[in-house]
Amino acid sequence: MIVSMTGYGSSLQQNDSFHVTVEMKSVNHRFSEVNIRMPRPFLMIEDRLKKAVGKLVNRGKVDVFITIGGESVSKRAVNVDWDLLEQYVTTFEEMKKRFNVNKSDFPFEQMLTHEDVISIDESDDVSEEVKSLLIHAVEQAAVQLHTMRQEEGKELYRDLIHRSSLMREWATQLKEYAPIVSEQYQERLHKRVNQFLEGKFEADEGRILTEVAVYSDKSDIQEELTRIDSHLKQFDAILEGGGVVGRKLDFLVQELNREFNTIGSKANDIQISQRVVDLKSELEKVREQVQNIE
């Protein structure tokens, strides 16, 4: 089964004291990247949470948003910079003397909101209970994300198999039509030569056949069609096998595009050119879909 790189998952876990909400979304990415936003006290288990997501996500960028409510999840303590506060007091008293101000008292109340003087220290020591709750919430959200990515993968599989079948059908039409191109060229060349000679001389059949042979060699697309058939078979086989196959499929899309371009440059026939345009248009849709596959 192929898996899409886009998806969404969420989980709410709670007990009598805490509730943890986890939301995660994934988008296309060349590699695997997990970014987690959560309260600072839980940074010590960030790697563990990333590994929990990584078990189900092999490729793609995943953003995880975590909120925790309820009782305080960590111990807090007021920290006072006494040395700095004493300097403020000393400076205040010197200012009173310098400007002869006797009645003013030092504004200790204002110091309570001064971040340089008083700060809140939050301990990294959080309870095992809330850690366990958080890990479980992340695991459940990752499962939901993976399930959604699998469902999207099924839709991608059906769409790509259909488009591959369509391209194979058009390539078969080219294979059947290609030999006729040389015959038509020979007829046109014979007709133009006769018109030019106006019946005064007999056309050199050998020379015409030589020109046709040269033309056929330059416009021959059999090798390209053989490689296209091989690429499409590989494409279907990779889809059937499933797994982390996005890069393999992307490589085959590039190879198919190269073959289509070669046929387009060789084509001296309007029907072949039109069919190449159809093939390239369909391949572009395939390329866009392949970018979503893990």
C-alpha atoms as a PDB file:
ATOM      1  CA  MET A   1       0.000   0.000   0.000  1.00  0.00           C
ATOM      2  CA  ILE A   2       1.290   3.457  -0.870  1.00  0.00           C
ATOM      3  CA  VAL A   3       0.888   6.227   1.693  1.00  0.00           C
ATOM      4  CA  SER A   4       0.226   9.920   1.155  1.00  0.00           C
ATOM      5  CA  MET A   5       2.451  12.494   2.828  1.00  0.00           C
ATOM      6  CA  THR A   6      -0.468  14.767   3.736  1.00  0.00           C
ATOM      7  CA  GLY A   7      -2.749  14.135   6.675  1.00  0.00           C
ATOM      8  CA  TYR A   8      -4.077  15.267  10.043  1.00  0.00           C
ATOM      9  CA  GLY A   9      -4.382  13.644  13.453  1.00  0.00           C
ATOM     10  CA  SER A  10      -5.464  14.745  16.919  1.00  0.00           C
ATOM     11  CA  SER A  11      -5.919  13.327  20.394  1.00  0.00           C
ATOM     12  CA  LEU A  12      -7.300  14.458  23.757  1.00  0.00           C
ATOM     13  CA  GLN A  13      -6.142  12.591  26.859  1.00  0.00           C
ATOM     14  CA  GLN A  14      -7.133  13.542  30.401  1.00  0.00           C
ATOM     15  CA  ASN A  15      -7.319  12.414  33.999  1.00  0.00           C
ATOM     16  CA  ASP A  16      -8.547  14.012  37.208  1.00  0.00           C
ATOM     17  CA  SER A  17      -5.717  16.527  37.261  1.00  0.00           C
ATOM     18  CA  PHE A  18      -4.592  17.227  33.691  1.00  0.00           C
ATOM     19  CA  HIS A  19      -5.768  17.284  30.104  1.00  0.00           C
ATOM     20  CA  VAL A  20      -3.455  17.048  27.097  1.00  0.00           C
ATOM     21  CA  THR A  21      -4.418  18.059  23.563  1.00  0.00           C
ATOM     22  CA  VAL A  22      -2.264  17.056  20.602  1.00  0.00           C
ATOM     23  CA  GLU A  23      -2.772  18.110  16.988  1.00  0.00           C
ATOM     24  CA  MET A  24      -0.483  17.159  14.134  1.00  0.00           C
ATOM     25  CA  LYS A  25      -0.510  17.753  10.400  1.00  0.00           C
ATOM     26  CA  SER A  26       1.849  16.563   7.706  1.00  0.00           C
ATOM     27  CA  VAL A  27       2.734  17.921   4.273  1.00  0.00           C
ATOM     28  CA  ASN A  28       5.096  17.007   1.441  1.00  0.00           C
ATOM     29  CA  HIS A  29       8.822  17.038   2.147  1.00  0.00           C
ATOM     30  CA  ARG A  30      11.909  15.510   0.597  1.00  0.00           C
ATOM     31  CA  PHE A  31      12.883  13.895   3.887  1.00  0.00           C
ATOM     32  CA  SER A  32      11.363  13.151   7.296  1.00  0.00           C
ATOM     33  CA  GLU A  33      11.040  16.151   9.614  1.00  0.00           C
ATOM     34  CA  VAL A  34       9.071  16.393  12.869  1.00  0.00           C
ATOM     35  CA  ASN A  35       8.634  19.765  14.601  1.00  0.00           C
ATOM     36  CA  ILE A  36       7.034  19.877  18.062  1.00  0.00           C
ATOM     37  CA  ARG A  37       5.668  22.921  19.879  1.00  0.00           C
ATOM     38  CA  MET A  38       4.977  22.266  23.546  1.00  0.00           C
ATOM     39  CA  PRO A  39       5.557  23.741  27.035  1.00  0.00           C
ATOM     40  CA  ARG A  40       9.236  24.112  27.926  1.00  0.00           C
ATOM     41  CA  PRO A  41       9.249  21.694  30.906  1.00  0.00           C
ATOM     42  CA  PHE A  42       8.636  18.796  28.502  1.00  0.00           C
ATOM     43  CA  LEU A  43      11.587  19.438  26.214  1.00  0.00           C
ATOM     44  CA  MET A  44      13.497  16.603  27.872  1.00  0.00           C
ATOM     45  CA  ILE A  45      11.150  14.051  26.246  1.00  0.00           C
ATOM     46  CA  GLU A  46      11.033  15.746  22.819  1.00  0.00           C
ATOM     47  CA  ASP A  47      13.226  13.070  21.205  1.00  0.00           C
ATOM     48  CA  ARG A  48      11.001  10.347  22.609  1.00  0.00           C
ATOM     49  CA  LEU A  49       7.930  12.027  21.130  1.00  0.00           C
ATOM     50  CA  LYS A  50       9.638  12.435  17.748  1.00  0.00           C
ATOM     51  CA  LYS A  51      10.499   8.738  17.710  1.00  0.00           C
ATOM     52  CA  ALA A  52       6.856   7.897  18.462  1.00  0.00           C
ATOM     53  CA  VAL A  53       5.793   9.898  15.386  1.00  0.00           C
ATOM     54  CA  GLY A  54       8.678   8.528  13.303  1.00  0.00           C
ATOM     55  CA  LYS A  55       7.494   4.960  13.790  1.00  0.00           C
ATOM     56  CA  LEU A  56       4.502   5.745  11.561  1.00  0.00           C
ATOM     57  CA  VAL A  57       5.860   8.557   9.372  1.00  0.00           C
ATOM     58  CA  ASN A  58       8.748   7.657   7.060  1.00  0.00           C
ATOM     59  CA  ARG A  59       8.704  10.780   4.916  1.00  0.00           C
ATOM     60  CA  GLY A  60       7.075  14.190   5.113  1.00  0.00           C
ATOM     61  CA  LYS A  61       7.106  17.278   7.314  1.00  0.00           C
ATOM     62  CA  VAL A  62       5.027  16.868  10.491  1.00  0.00           C
ATOM     63  CA  ASP A  63       4.093  19.779  12.753  1.00  0.00           C
ATOM     64  CA  VAL A  64       2.919  18.782  16.246  1.00  0.00           C
ATOM     65  CA  PHE A  65       1.088  21.222  18.528  1.00  0.00           C
ATOM     66  CA  ILE A  66       0.716  20.297  22.215  1.00  0.00           C
ATOM     67  CA  THR A  67      -1.256  22.110  24.904  1.00  0.00           C
ATOM     68  CA  ILE A  68      -1.506  21.023  28.538  1.00  0.00           C
ATOM     69  CA  GLY A  69      -4.070  22.267  31.026  1.00  0.00           C
ATOM     70  CA  GLY A  70      -5.074  21.606  34.600  1.00  0.00           C
ATOM     71  CA  GLU A  71      -2.852  21.732  37.655  1.00  0.00           C
ATOM     72  CA  SER A  72       0.619  23.195  37.335  1.00  0.00           C
ATOM     73  CA  VAL A  73       2.684  20.596  35.538  1.00  0.00           C
ATOM     74  CA  SER A  74       5.923  21.713  37.157  1.00  0.00           C
ATOM     75  CA  LYS A  75       7.114  23.458  40.320  1.00  0.00           C
ATOM     76  CA  ARG A  76       7.566  27.219  40.208  1.00  0.00           C
ATOM     77  CA  ALA A  77       9.599  29.455  42.464  1.00  0.00           C
ATOM     78  CA  VAL A  78      10.161  33.190  42.777  1.00  0.00           C
ATOM     79  CA  ASN A  79      13.756  34.194  42.208  1.00  0.00           C
ATOM     80  CA  VAL A  80      15.000  37.613  43.431  1.00  0.00           C
ATOM     81  CA  ASP A  81      18.226  39.220  42.301  1.00  0.00           C
ATOM     82  CA  TRP A  82      19.066  40.737  45.696  1.00  0.00           C
ATOM     83  CA  ASP A  83      22.324  42.309  44.569  1.00  0.00           C
ATOM     84  CA  LEU A  84      20.571  44.169  41.761  1.00  0.00           C
ATOM     85  CA  LEU A  85      17.750  45.228  44.075  1.00  0.00           C
ATOM     86  CA  GLU A  86      20.269  46.603  46.613  1.00  0.00           C
ATOM     87  CA  GLN A  87      21.883  48.623  43.810  1.00  0.00           C
ATOM     88  CA  TYR A  88      18.470  50.078  42.938  1.00  0.00           C
ATOM     89  CA  VAL A  89      17.892  51.010  46.595  1.00  0.00           C
ATOM     90  CA  THR A  90      21.371  52.548  46.933  1.00  0.00           C
ATOM     91  CA  THR A  91      20.925  54.546  43.728  1.00  0.00           C
ATOM     92  CA  PHE A  92      17.488  55.701  44.945  1.00  0.00           C
ATOM     93  CA  GLU A  93      18.923  56.987  48.246  1.00  0.00           C
ATOM     94  CA  GLU A  94      21.749  58.797  46.420  1.00  0.00           C
ATOM     95  CA  MET A  95      19.187  60.457  44.125  1.00  0.00           C
ATOM     96  CA  LYS A  96      17.233  61.688  47.182  1.00  0.00           C
ATOM     97  CA  LYS A  97      20.355  63.260  48.659  1.00  0.00           C
ATOM     98  CA  ARG A  98      21.439  64.807  45.377  1.00  0.00           C
ATOM     99  CA  PHE A  99      18.062  66.433  44.745  1.00  0.00           C
ATOM    100  CA  ASN A 100      17.095  67.063  48.403  1.00  0.00           C
ATOM    101  CA  VAL A 101      14.066  64.814  48.355  1.00  0.00           C
ATOM    102  CA  ASN A 102      13.275  63.534  51.848  1.00  0.00           C
ATOM    103  CA  LYS A 103       9.714  62.242  51.837  1.00  0.00           C
ATOM    104  CA  SER A 104       9.832  59.701  49.000  1.00  0.00           C
ATOM    105  CA  ASP A 105       9.976  55.999  49.817  1.00  0.00           C
ATOM    106  CA  PHE A 106      11.582  53.385  47.586  1.00  0.00           C
ATOM    107  CA  PRO A 107       8.894  51.888  45.259  1.00  0.00           C
ATOM    108  CA  PHE A 108       9.306  48.246  46.286  1.00  0.00           C
ATOM    109  CA  GLU A 109       5.885  47.397  44.794  1.00  0.00           C
ATOM    110  CA  GLN A 110       7.115  48.343  41.331  1.00  0.00           C
ATOM    111  CA  MET A 111      10.101  46.051  41.742  1.00  0.00           C
ATOM    112  CA  LEU A 112       7.697  43.093  41.979  1.00  0.00           C
ATOM    113  CA  THR A 113       6.954  43.461  38.265  1.00  0.00           C
ATOM    114  CA  HIS A 114      10.512  44.273  37.231  1.00  0.00           C
ATOM    115  CA  GLU A 115      11.670  41.243  35.231  1.00  0.00           C
ATOM    116  CA  ASP A 116      15.355  41.973  35.814  1.00  0.00           C
ATOM    117  CA  VAL A 117      14.867  41.881  39.564  1.00  0.00           C
ATOM    118  CA  ILE A 118      12.183  39.242  40.087  1.00  0.00           C
ATOM    119  CA  SER A 119      11.624  36.213  37.840  1.00  0.00           C
ATOM    120  CA  ILE A 120       9.698  32.953  38.003  1.00  0.00           C
ATOM    121  CA  ASP A 121      11.831  29.833  37.757  1.00  0.00           C
ATOM    122  CA  GLU A 122      10.013  26.801  36.399  1.00  0.00           C
ATOM    123  CA  SER A 123      11.444  23.425  37.284  1.00  0.00           C
ATOM    124  CA  ASP A 124      11.978  20.801  34.582  1.00  0.00           C
ATOM    125  CA  ASP A 125      10.886  18.184  37.084  1.00  0.00           C
ATOM    126  CA  VAL A 126       7.377  17.211  35.910  1.00  0.00           C
ATOM    127  CA  SER A 127       5.330  14.319  37.160  1.00  0.00           C
ATOM    128  CA  GLU A 128       5.575  10.935  35.467  1.00  0.00           C
ATOM    129  CA  GLU A 129       1.787  10.931  35.342  1.00  0.00           C
ATOM    130  CA  VAL A 130       1.548  13.888  32.999  1.00  0.00           C
ATOM    131  CA  LYS A 131       4.535  12.643  30.943  1.00  0.00           C
ATOM    132  CA  SER A 132       2.761   9.328  30.385  1.00  0.00           C
ATOM    133  CA  LEU A 133      -0.437  11.137  29.453  1.00  0.00           C
ATOM    134  CA  LEU A 134       1.432  13.284  26.919  1.00  0.00           C
ATOM    135  CA  ILE A 135       3.240  10.354  25.305  1.00  0.00           C
ATOM    136  CA  HIS A 136      -0.006   8.425  24.951  1.00  0.00           C
ATOM    137  CA  ALA A 137      -1.730  11.448  23.377  1.00  0.00           C
ATOM    138  CA  VAL A 138       1.065  11.854  20.811  1.00  0.00           C
ATOM    139  CA  GLU A 139       0.967   8.152  19.941  1.00  0.00           C
ATOM    140  CA  GLN A 140      -2.799   8.241  19.421  1.00  0.00           C
ATOM    141  CA  ALA A 141      -2.605  11.370  17.241  1.00  0.00           C
ATOM    142  CA  ALA A 142       0.159   9.737  15.171  1.00  0.00           C
ATOM    143  CA  VAL A 143      -2.032   6.669  14.609  1.00  0.00           C
ATOM    144  CA  GLN A 144      -4.884   8.887  13.417  1.00  0.00           C
ATOM    145  CA  LEU A 145      -2.513  10.807  11.151  1.00  0.00           C
ATOM    146  CA  HIS A 146      -1.167   7.558   9.683  1.00  0.00           C
ATOM    147  CA  THR A 147      -4.691   6.232   9.072  1.00  0.00           C
ATOM    148  CA  MET A 148      -5.619   9.367   7.135  1.00  0.00           C
ATOM    149  CA  ARG A 149      -2.402   9.161   5.106  1.00  0.00           C
ATOM    150  CA  GLN A 150      -3.219   5.534   4.252  1.00  0.00           C
ATOM    151  CA  GLU A 151      -6.732   6.455   3.087  1.00  0.00           C
ATOM    152  CA  GLU A 152      -5.334   9.194   0.869  1.00  0.00           C
ATOM    153  CA  GLY A 153      -2.784   6.680  -0.395  1.00  0.00           C
ATOM    154  CA  LYS A 154      -5.587   4.411  -1.599  1.00  0.00           C
ATOM    155  CA  GLU A 155      -7.083   7.287  -3.595  1.00  0.00           C
ATOM    156  CA  LEU A 156      -3.686   8.125  -5.073  1.00  0.00           C
ATOM    157  CA  TYR A 157      -3.173   4.483  -6.040  1.00  0.00           C
ATOM    158  CA  ARG A 158      -6.493   4.299  -7.914  1.00  0.00           C
ATOM    159  CA  ASP A 159      -5.846   7.570  -9.725  1.00  0.00           C
ATOM    160  CA  LEU A 160      -2.275   6.697 -10.739  1.00  0.00           C
ATOM    161  CA  ILE A 161      -3.167   3.200 -11.945  1.00  0.00           C
ATOM    162  CA  HIS A 162      -5.882   4.734 -14.124  1.00  0.00           C
ATOM    163  CA  ARG A 163      -3.519   7.329 -15.591  1.00  0.00           C
ATOM    164  CA  SER A 164      -0.807   4.739 -16.186  1.00  0.00           C
ATOM    165  CA  SER A 165      -3.295   2.570 -18.069  1.00  0.00           C
ATOM    166  CA  LEU A 166      -4.342   5.550 -20.169  1.00  0.00           C
ATOM    167  CA  MET A 167      -0.742   6.399 -21.079  1.00  0.00           C
ATOM    168  CA  ARG A 168      -0.073   2.756 -21.988  1.00  0.00           C
ATOM    169  CA  GLU A 169      -3.107   2.794 -24.286  1.00  0.00           C
ATOM    170  CA  TRP A 170      -1.895   5.928 -26.047  1.00  0.00           C
ATOM    171  CA  ALA A 171       1.640   4.553 -26.359  1.00  0.00           C
ATOM    172  CA  THR A 172       0.178   1.409 -27.972  1.00  0.00           C
ATOM    173  CA  GLN A 173      -1.606   3.616 -30.491  1.00  0.00           C
ATOM    174  CA  LEU A 174       1.713   5.242 -31.354  1.00  0.00           C
ATOM    175  CA  LYS A 175       3.330   1.839 -31.781  1.00  0.00           C
ATOM    176  CA  GLU A 176       0.593   0.800 -34.211  1.00  0.00           C
ATOM    177  CA  TYR A 177       0.655   4.066 -36.101  1.00  0.00           C
ATOM    178  CA  ALA A 178       4.439   4.622 -36.337  1.00  0.00           C
ATOM    179  CA  PRO A 179       5.059   2.218 -39.309  1.00  0.00           C
ATOM    180  CA  ILE A 180       2.337   3.930 -41.321  1.00  0.00           C
ATOM    181  CA  VAL A 181       4.208   7.237 -41.102  1.00  0.00           C
ATOM    182  CA  SER A 182       7.023   5.978 -43.343  1.00  0.00           C
ATOM    183  CA  GLU A 183       4.542   4.599 -45.883  1.00  0.00           C
ATOM    184  CA  GLN A 184       2.713   7.918 -46.006  1.00  0.00           C
ATOM    185  CA  TYR A 185       5.993   9.774 -46.383  1.00  0.00           C
ATOM    186  CA  GLN A 186       6.964   7.530 -49.313  1.00  0.00           C
ATOM    187  CA  GLU A 187       3.633   8.216 -51.024  1.00  0.00           C
ATOM    188  CA  ARG A 188       3.950  11.977 -50.522  1.00  0.00           C
ATOM    189  CA  LEU A 189       7.541  12.006 -51.739  1.00  0.00           C
ATOM    190  CA  HIS A 190       6.658   9.927 -54.804  1.00  0.00           C
ATOM    191  CA  LYS A 191       3.786  12.256 -55.616  1.00  0.00           C
ATOM    192  CA  ARG A 192       5.870  15.431 -55.246  1.00  0.00           C
ATOM    193  CA  VAL A 193       8.683  14.024 -57.414  1.00  0.00           C
ATOM    194  CA  ASN A 194       6.245  13.069 -60.173  1.00  0.00           C
ATOM    195  CA  GLN A 195       4.633  16.483 -60.039  1.00  0.00           C
ATOM    196  CA  PHE A 196       8.031  18.101 -60.325  1.00  0.00           C
ATOM    197  CA  LEU A 197       9.073  15.941 -63.281  1.00  0.00           C
ATOM    198  CA  GLU A 198       5.621  16.437 -64.864  1.00  0.00           C
ATOM    199  CA  GLY A 199       5.847  13.039 -66.548  1.00  0.00           C
ATOM    200  CA  LYS A 200       8.887  14.023 -68.627  1.00  0.00           C
ATOM    201  CA  PHE A 201      11.141  11.634 -66.776  1.00  0.00           C
ATOM    202  CA  GLU A 202      10.534   8.534 -64.746  1.00  0.00           C
ATOM    203  CA  ALA A 203      11.138   8.882 -61.030  1.00  0.00           C
ATOM    204  CA  ASP A 204      14.215   7.129 -59.658  1.00  0.00           C
ATOM    205  CA  GLU A 205      12.576   4.571 -57.407  1.00  0.00           C
ATOM    206  CA  GLY A 206      15.863   3.622 -55.786  1.00  0.00           C
ATOM    207  CA  ARG A 207      16.580   7.212 -54.813  1.00  0.00           C
ATOM    208  CA  ILE A 208      13.097   7.593 -53.361  1.00  0.00           C
ATOM    209  CA  LEU A 209      13.503   4.429 -51.306  1.00  0.00           C
ATOM    210  CA  THR A 210      16.840   5.722 -50.001  1.00  0.00           C
ATOM    211  CA  GLU A 211      15.223   8.989 -48.913  1.00  0.00           C
ATOM    212  CA  VAL A 212      12.416   7.063 -47.255  1.00  0.00           C
ATOM    213  CA  ALA A 213      14.929   4.864 -45.436  1.00  0.00           C
ATOM    214  CA  VAL A 214      16.811   7.916 -44.146  1.00  0.00           C
ATOM    215  CA  TYR A 215      13.560   9.525 -43.060  1.00  0.00           C
ATOM    216  CA  SER A 216      12.404   6.319 -41.348  1.00  0.00           C
ATOM    217  CA  ASP A 217      15.649   6.011 -39.464  1.00  0.00           C
ATOM    218  CA  LYS A 218      15.486   9.588 -38.189  1.00  0.00           C
ATOM    219  CA  SER A 219      11.828   9.339 -37.202  1.00  0.00           C
ATOM    220  CA  ASP A 220      11.932   5.809 -35.780  1.00  0.00           C
ATOM    221  CA  ILE A 221      10.432   5.788 -32.274  1.00  0.00           C
ATOM    222  CA  GLN A 222      10.343   2.056 -31.603  1.00  0.00           C
ATOM    223  CA  GLU A 223      13.151   2.182 -29.030  1.00  0.00           C
ATOM    224  CA  GLU A 224      11.448   4.990 -27.147  1.00  0.00           C
ATOM    225  CA  LEU A 225       8.145   3.133 -27.178  1.00  0.00           C
ATOM    226  CA  THR A 226       9.835  -0.002 -25.840  1.00  0.00           C
ATOM    227  CA  ARG A 227      11.363   1.953 -22.966  1.00  0.00           C
ATOM    228  CA  ILE A 228       8.028   3.654 -22.257  1.00  0.00           C
ATOM    229  CA  ASP A 229       6.359   0.272 -22.001  1.00  0.00           C
ATOM    230  CA  SER A 230       9.081  -0.905 -19.609  1.00  0.00           C
ATOM    231  CA  HIS A 231       8.832   2.241 -17.458  1.00  0.00           C
ATOM    232  CA  LEU A 232       5.054   1.961 -17.172  1.00  0.00           C
ATOM    233  CA  LYS A 233       5.302  -1.705 -16.153  1.00  0.00           C
ATOM    234  CA  GLN A 234       7.806  -0.752 -13.462  1.00  0.00           C
ATOM    235  CA  PHE A 235       5.567   2.115 -12.390  1.00  0.00           C
ATOM    236  CA  ASP A 236       2.600  -0.242 -11.878  1.00  0.00           C
ATOM    237  CA  ALA A 237       4.758  -2.832 -10.103  1.00  0.00           C
ATOM    238  CA  ILE A 238       6.071  -0.234  -7.649  1.00  0.00           C
ATOM    239  CA  LEU A 239       2.538   0.968  -6.932  1.00  0.00           C
ATOM    240  CA  GLU A 240       1.454  -2.608  -6.303  1.00  0.00           C
ATOM    241  CA  GLY A 241       4.402  -3.256  -3.978  1.00  0.00           C
ATOM    242  CA  GLY A 242       3.695  -0.162  -1.886  1.00  0.00           C
ATOM    243  CA  GLY A 243       5.914   1.151   0.897  1.00  0.00           C
ATOM    244  CA  VAL A 244       8.094   4.240   0.748  1.00  0.00           C
ATOM    245  CA  VAL A 245       8.220   4.560  -3.052  1.00  0.00           C
ATOM    246  CA  GLY A 246       7.710   8.254  -3.805  1.00  0.00           C
ATOM    247  CA  ARG A 247      11.261   8.868  -4.995  1.00  0.00           C
ATOM    248  CA  LYS A 248      11.285   5.775  -7.210  1.00  0.00           C
ATOM    249  CA  LEU A 249       8.058   6.860  -8.874  1.00  0.00           C
ATOM    250  CA  ASP A 250       9.376  10.390  -9.310  1.00  0.00           C
ATOM    251  CA  PHE A 251      12.466   9.002 -11.080  1.00  0.00           C
ATOM    252  CA  LEU A 252      10.287   6.993 -13.493  1.00  0.00           C
ATOM    253  CA  VAL A 253       8.195  10.073 -14.216  1.00  0.00           C
ATOM    254  CA  GLN A 254      11.378  11.915 -15.228  1.00  0.00           C
ATOM    255  CA  GLU A 255      12.407   9.018 -17.476  1.00  0.00           C
ATOM    256  CA  LEU A 256       8.975   8.899 -19.129  1.00  0.00           C
ATOM    257  CA  ASN A 257       9.104  12.629 -19.724  1.00  0.00           C
ATOM    258  CA  ARG A 258      12.489  12.222 -21.422  1.00  0.00           C
ATOM    259  CA  GLU A 259      11.097   9.560 -23.775  1.00  0.00           C
ATOM    260  CA  PHE A 260       8.026  11.649 -24.602  1.00  0.00           C
ATOM    261  CA  ASN A 261      10.244  14.635 -25.429  1.00  0.00           C
ATOM    262  CA  THR A 262      12.414  12.483 -27.691  1.00  0.00           C
ATOM    263  CA  ILE A 263       9.384  11.188 -29.579  1.00  0.00           C
ATOM    264  CA  GLY A 264       8.086  14.744 -29.876  1.00  0.00           C
ATOM    265  CA  SER A 265      11.363  15.946 -31.401  1.00  0.00           C
ATOM    266  CA  LYS A 266      11.404  13.047 -33.893  1.00  0.00           C
ATOM    267  CA  ALA A 267       7.759  13.282 -34.848  1.00  0.00           C
ATOM    268  CA  ASN A 268       7.123  14.612 -38.344  1.00  0.00           C
ATOM    269  CA  ASP A 269       3.479  13.687 -38.165  1.00  0.00           C
ATOM    270  CA  ILE A 270       0.606  15.702 -36.738  1.00  0.00           C
ATOM    271  CA  GLN A 271      -1.133  12.687 -35.203  1.00  0.00           C
ATOM    272  CA  ILE A 272       2.000  11.586 -33.330  1.00  0.00           C
ATOM    273  CA  SER A 273       2.638  15.150 -32.172  1.00  0.00           C
ATOM    274  CA  GLN A 274      -0.892  15.507 -30.857  1.00  0.00           C
ATOM    275  CA  ARG A 275      -0.692  12.209 -29.009  1.00  0.00           C
ATOM    276  CA  VAL A 276       2.655  13.231 -27.464  1.00  0.00           C
ATOM    277  CA  VAL A 277       0.983  16.397 -26.180  1.00  0.00           C
ATOM    278  CA  ASP A 278      -1.720  14.230 -24.594  1.00  0.00           C
ATOM    279  CA  LEU A 279       0.883  11.968 -23.005  1.00  0.00           C
ATOM    280  CA  LYS A 280       2.879  14.881 -21.564  1.00  0.00           C
ATOM    281  CA  SER A 281      -0.269  16.493 -20.205  1.00  0.00           C
ATOM    282  CA  GLU A 282      -1.270  13.268 -18.471  1.00  0.00           C
ATOM    283  CA  LEU A 283       2.263  12.736 -17.170  1.00  0.00           C
ATOM    284  CA  GLU A 284       2.224  16.176 -15.572  1.00  0.00           C
ATOM    285  CA  LYS A 285      -0.877  15.165 -13.606  1.00  0.00           C
ATOM    286  CA  VAL A 286       0.923  11.985 -12.569  1.00  0.00           C
ATOM    287  CA  ARG A 287       3.959  13.996 -11.474  1.00  0.00           C
ATOM    288  CA  GLU A 288       1.803  16.214  -9.251  1.00  0.00           C
ATOM    289  CA  GLN A 289       0.244  13.176  -7.604  1.00  0.00           C
ATOM    290  CA  VAL A 290       3.572  11.417  -7.124  1.00  0.00           C
ATOM    291  CA  GLN A 291       4.830  14.433  -5.146  1.00  0.00           C
ATOM    292  CA  ASN A 292       2.271  13.491  -2.463  1.00  0.00           C
ATOM    293  CA  ILE A 293       3.496   9.920  -2.026  1.00  0.00           C
ATOM    294  CA  GLU A 294       5.672   8.928   0.921  1.00  0.00           C
END
